[in-house]
Amino acid sequence: MTIEQICKLLSSRRKQLQMEQKDMYMRIGMKQQQYQRIEAGSDMKLSTLLRVLEGLNMELTIGPKESPTKSKLKQSTLDATSSEGCVGSLEDDSDDLGFWFGSEDQK
């Protein structure tokens, strides 16, 4: 899965939950601007992705790549869920450890 596909999936899920980007602050403590960069395709740390997935009631699953036939089915489903593009590459936020471990003093 590419970063572009991930950001489309996140955007689609957020809309499915009838949430706006600014609502992510209340769910995971991430400002709208930070979350907007993620949906725009910003490269992010794994800890940030896990934080966002938690806020959207999603989980990360890792496994071997599937056969080309199954991959095409998943891709067509993903393409149908969102038509928004994702571009850009910005620095990730640095407050992930504080969110996950309860203290922003840990680095």
C-alpha atoms as a PDB file:
ATOM      1  CA  MET A   1       0.000   0.000   0.000  1.00  0.00           C
ATOM      2  CA  THR A   2       1.316   3.461  -0.838  1.00  0.00           C
ATOM      3  CA  ILE A   3       1.231   6.617   1.282  1.00  0.00           C
ATOM      4  CA  GLU A   4      -1.319   8.032  -1.175  1.00  0.00           C
ATOM      5  CA  GLN A   5      -3.593   5.016  -0.693  1.00  0.00           C
ATOM      6  CA  ILE A   6      -3.263   5.247   3.094  1.00  0.00           C
ATOM      7  CA  CYS A   7      -4.192   8.931   3.166  1.00  0.00           C
ATOM      8  CA  LYS A   8      -7.221   8.271   0.941  1.00  0.00           C
ATOM      9  CA  LEU A   9      -8.293   5.498   3.281  1.00  0.00           C
ATOM     10  CA  LEU A  10      -7.896   7.734   6.364  1.00  0.00           C
ATOM     11  CA  SER A  11      -9.868  10.541   4.732  1.00  0.00           C
ATOM     12  CA  SER A  12     -12.601   8.170   3.644  1.00  0.00           C
ATOM     13  CA  ARG A  13     -12.884   6.653   7.131  1.00  0.00           C
ATOM     14  CA  ARG A  14     -13.021  10.076   8.805  1.00  0.00           C
ATOM     15  CA  LYS A  15     -15.842  11.116   6.478  1.00  0.00           C
ATOM     16  CA  GLN A  16     -17.611   7.813   7.074  1.00  0.00           C
ATOM     17  CA  LEU A  17     -17.558   8.646  10.798  1.00  0.00           C
ATOM     18  CA  GLN A  18     -19.002  12.089   9.907  1.00  0.00           C
ATOM     19  CA  MET A  19     -16.000  13.874  11.387  1.00  0.00           C
ATOM     20  CA  GLU A  20     -14.155  16.948  10.241  1.00  0.00           C
ATOM     21  CA  GLN A  21     -10.378  17.265  10.418  1.00  0.00           C
ATOM     22  CA  LYS A  22     -10.704  19.584  13.417  1.00  0.00           C
ATOM     23  CA  ASP A  23     -12.474  16.787  15.336  1.00  0.00           C
ATOM     24  CA  MET A  24      -9.198  14.859  15.491  1.00  0.00           C
ATOM     25  CA  TYR A  25      -8.006  17.240  18.208  1.00  0.00           C
ATOM     26  CA  MET A  26     -10.659  15.979  20.593  1.00  0.00           C
ATOM     27  CA  ARG A  27     -10.054  12.342  19.650  1.00  0.00           C
ATOM     28  CA  ILE A  28      -6.249  12.157  19.630  1.00  0.00           C
ATOM     29  CA  GLY A  29      -4.941  15.582  20.596  1.00  0.00           C
ATOM     30  CA  MET A  30      -3.776  16.412  17.066  1.00  0.00           C
ATOM     31  CA  LYS A  31      -4.414  19.899  15.731  1.00  0.00           C
ATOM     32  CA  GLN A  32      -6.345  20.283  12.483  1.00  0.00           C
ATOM     33  CA  GLN A  33      -3.268  21.536  10.634  1.00  0.00           C
ATOM     34  CA  GLN A  34      -1.237  18.494  11.711  1.00  0.00           C
ATOM     35  CA  TYR A  35      -3.983  16.105  10.667  1.00  0.00           C
ATOM     36  CA  GLN A  36      -4.549  17.971   7.405  1.00  0.00           C
ATOM     37  CA  ARG A  37      -0.887  17.326   6.466  1.00  0.00           C
ATOM     38  CA  ILE A  38      -1.427  13.602   7.028  1.00  0.00           C
ATOM     39  CA  GLU A  39      -4.440  13.469   4.717  1.00  0.00           C
ATOM     40  CA  ALA A  40      -2.471  15.532   2.204  1.00  0.00           C
ATOM     41  CA  GLY A  41       0.106  12.752   1.957  1.00  0.00           C
ATOM     42  CA  SER A  42       2.718  13.822   4.471  1.00  0.00           C
ATOM     43  CA  ASP A  43       5.185  11.072   5.279  1.00  0.00           C
ATOM     44  CA  MET A  44       4.674  10.188   8.943  1.00  0.00           C
ATOM     45  CA  LYS A  45       6.161   8.084  11.686  1.00  0.00           C
ATOM     46  CA  LEU A  46       4.615   4.731  12.462  1.00  0.00           C
ATOM     47  CA  SER A  47       3.672   6.018  15.923  1.00  0.00           C
ATOM     48  CA  THR A  48       1.726   8.875  14.329  1.00  0.00           C
ATOM     49  CA  LEU A  49      -0.083   6.473  12.012  1.00  0.00           C
ATOM     50  CA  LEU A  50      -1.015   4.236  14.941  1.00  0.00           C
ATOM     51  CA  ARG A  51      -2.306   7.275  16.825  1.00  0.00           C
ATOM     52  CA  VAL A  52      -4.481   8.336  13.885  1.00  0.00           C
ATOM     53  CA  LEU A  53      -5.760   4.794  13.356  1.00  0.00           C
ATOM     54  CA  GLU A  54      -6.768   4.624  17.021  1.00  0.00           C
ATOM     55  CA  GLY A  55      -8.719   7.886  16.658  1.00  0.00           C
ATOM     56  CA  LEU A  56     -10.533   6.514  13.614  1.00  0.00           C
ATOM     57  CA  ASN A  57     -11.223   3.164  15.288  1.00  0.00           C
ATOM     58  CA  MET A  58      -9.003   1.333  12.802  1.00  0.00           C
ATOM     59  CA  GLU A  59      -6.091  -1.068  13.139  1.00  0.00           C
ATOM     60  CA  LEU A  60      -2.947  -1.869  11.188  1.00  0.00           C
ATOM     61  CA  THR A  61      -2.538  -5.358   9.759  1.00  0.00           C
ATOM     62  CA  ILE A  62       0.703  -6.522   8.167  1.00  0.00           C
ATOM     63  CA  GLY A  63       1.011  -9.596   5.984  1.00  0.00           C
ATOM     64  CA  PRO A  64       2.579 -10.931   2.815  1.00  0.00           C
ATOM     65  CA  LYS A  65       1.641  -9.352  -0.492  1.00  0.00           C
ATOM     66  CA  GLU A  66      -1.322 -10.999  -2.178  1.00  0.00           C
ATOM     67  CA  SER A  67      -1.711 -12.304  -5.695  1.00  0.00           C
ATOM     68  CA  PRO A  68      -2.180  -9.643  -8.415  1.00  0.00           C
ATOM     69  CA  THR A  69      -5.879 -10.555  -8.789  1.00  0.00           C
ATOM     70  CA  LYS A  70      -6.695  -9.892  -5.130  1.00  0.00           C
ATOM     71  CA  SER A  71      -4.615  -6.696  -5.155  1.00  0.00           C
ATOM     72  CA  LYS A  72      -6.586  -5.346  -8.130  1.00  0.00           C
ATOM     73  CA  LEU A  73      -9.849  -5.976  -6.283  1.00  0.00           C
ATOM     74  CA  LYS A  74      -8.619  -4.087  -3.214  1.00  0.00           C
ATOM     75  CA  GLN A  75      -7.283  -1.231  -5.370  1.00  0.00           C
ATOM     76  CA  SER A  76     -10.585  -0.797  -7.215  1.00  0.00           C
ATOM     77  CA  THR A  77     -12.429  -0.751  -3.877  1.00  0.00           C
ATOM     78  CA  LEU A  78     -10.016   1.853  -2.521  1.00  0.00           C
ATOM     79  CA  ASP A  79     -10.318   3.993  -5.664  1.00  0.00           C
ATOM     80  CA  ALA A  80     -14.103   3.976  -5.320  1.00  0.00           C
ATOM     81  CA  THR A  81     -14.009   5.194  -1.701  1.00  0.00           C
ATOM     82  CA  SER A  82     -12.324   8.533  -2.309  1.00  0.00           C
ATOM     83  CA  SER A  83     -11.396  10.769  -5.213  1.00  0.00           C
ATOM     84  CA  GLU A  84      -9.221  13.199  -3.263  1.00  0.00           C
ATOM     85  CA  GLY A  85      -5.544  13.417  -4.209  1.00  0.00           C
ATOM     86  CA  CYS A  86      -2.674  13.308  -1.762  1.00  0.00           C
ATOM     87  CA  VAL A  87       0.580  15.150  -2.313  1.00  0.00           C
ATOM     88  CA  GLY A  88       3.422  16.603  -0.330  1.00  0.00           C
ATOM     89  CA  SER A  89       6.033  15.602   2.164  1.00  0.00           C
ATOM     90  CA  LEU A  90       6.279  17.472   5.440  1.00  0.00           C
ATOM     91  CA  GLU A  91       8.015  16.807   8.734  1.00  0.00           C
ATOM     92  CA  ASP A  92       6.009  14.763  11.233  1.00  0.00           C
ATOM     93  CA  ASP A  93       4.853  16.066  14.590  1.00  0.00           C
ATOM     94  CA  SER A  94       7.009  15.217  17.614  1.00  0.00           C
ATOM     95  CA  ASP A  95       4.395  14.713  20.329  1.00  0.00           C
ATOM     96  CA  ASP A  96       3.639  11.045  19.627  1.00  0.00           C
ATOM     97  CA  LEU A  97       5.500   9.593  22.604  1.00  0.00           C
ATOM     98  CA  GLY A  98       3.597  11.829  25.019  1.00  0.00           C
ATOM     99  CA  PHE A  99       0.317  10.649  23.575  1.00  0.00           C
ATOM    100  CA  TRP A 100       1.163   6.959  23.782  1.00  0.00           C
ATOM    101  CA  PHE A 101       3.154   6.926  27.015  1.00  0.00           C
ATOM    102  CA  GLY A 102       1.512   9.757  28.969  1.00  0.00           C
ATOM    103  CA  SER A 103       4.494  12.076  29.183  1.00  0.00           C
ATOM    104  CA  GLU A 104       5.881  14.449  26.610  1.00  0.00           C
ATOM    105  CA  ASP A 105       9.191  14.457  28.517  1.00  0.00           C
ATOM    106  CA  GLN A 106      10.136  11.050  27.059  1.00  0.00           C
ATOM    107  CA  LYS A 107      12.161  11.120  23.865  1.00  0.00           C
END
